[in-house]
Amino acid sequence: MTTYQSLTNKIESLRKLMIETARIHGHTSPKTIKISQELDMLLLLIIKEKNSKDI
């Protein structure tokens, strides 16, 4: 499995977890925000990974 595939799998997993956490605890709960921040970091990594292959 490539780094790109691994990142996309983790992003999809975190996205589902964030949606479920927001549904249970609310959109502004610390748990939801923490997952959202982790998701943001992974999205930045995947953008960097994709951009580095475009060069």
Protein backbone atom coordinates (compact mmCIF):
# COMPACT_ATOMS: atom_id res chain seq x y z
CA MET A 1 0.00 0.00 0.00
CA THR A 2 1.36 3.41 -0.95
CA THR A 3 1.62 6.38 1.38
CA TYR A 4 -1.17 8.05 -0.60
CA GLN A 5 -3.49 5.06 -0.16
CA SER A 6 -2.64 4.80 3.51
CA LEU A 7 -3.41 8.48 4.04
CA THR A 8 -6.71 8.29 2.16
CA ASN A 9 -7.77 5.29 4.23
CA LYS A 10 -6.92 7.09 7.48
CA ILE A 11 -8.71 10.24 6.28
CA GLU A 12 -11.86 8.30 5.48
CA SER A 13 -11.77 6.56 8.85
CA LEU A 14 -11.28 9.84 10.74
CA ARG A 15 -14.00 11.53 8.70
CA LYS A 16 -16.51 8.88 9.73
CA LEU A 17 -15.37 9.09 13.35
CA MET A 18 -15.68 12.89 13.32
CA ILE A 19 -19.22 12.72 11.95
CA GLU A 20 -20.26 10.20 14.59
CA THR A 21 -18.55 12.14 17.38
CA ALA A 22 -20.23 15.37 16.28
CA ARG A 23 -23.59 13.62 16.19
CA ILE A 24 -23.14 12.35 19.75
CA HIS A 25 -21.20 15.16 21.43
CA GLY A 26 -21.93 18.17 19.22
CA HIS A 27 -20.00 20.02 16.56
CA THR A 28 -18.11 22.20 19.03
CA SER A 29 -17.18 19.55 21.57
CA PRO A 30 -13.46 19.17 22.34
CA LYS A 31 -13.57 15.57 21.07
CA THR A 32 -15.00 16.61 17.70
CA ILE A 33 -12.58 19.50 17.36
CA LYS A 34 -9.59 17.28 18.15
CA ILE A 35 -10.59 14.79 15.46
CA SER A 36 -11.20 17.65 13.03
CA GLN A 37 -7.70 18.98 13.66
CA GLU A 38 -6.19 15.53 13.11
CA LEU A 39 -8.15 15.29 9.88
CA ASP A 40 -6.87 18.72 8.79
CA MET A 41 -3.29 17.59 9.36
CA LEU A 42 -3.81 14.44 7.30
CA LEU A 43 -5.43 16.41 4.50
CA LEU A 44 -2.40 18.72 4.41
CA LEU A 45 -0.11 15.70 4.25
CA ILE A 46 -2.00 14.19 1.35
CA ILE A 47 -1.89 17.53 -0.50
CA LYS A 48 1.88 17.70 0.02
CA GLU A 49 2.24 14.07 -1.10
CA LYS A 50 0.26 14.73 -4.25
CA ASN A 51 2.11 17.98 -5.02
CA SER A 52 5.51 16.33 -4.59
CA LYS A 53 4.57 13.75 -7.23
CA ASP A 54 3.40 16.46 -9.64
CA ILE A 55 6.86 18.01 -9.80
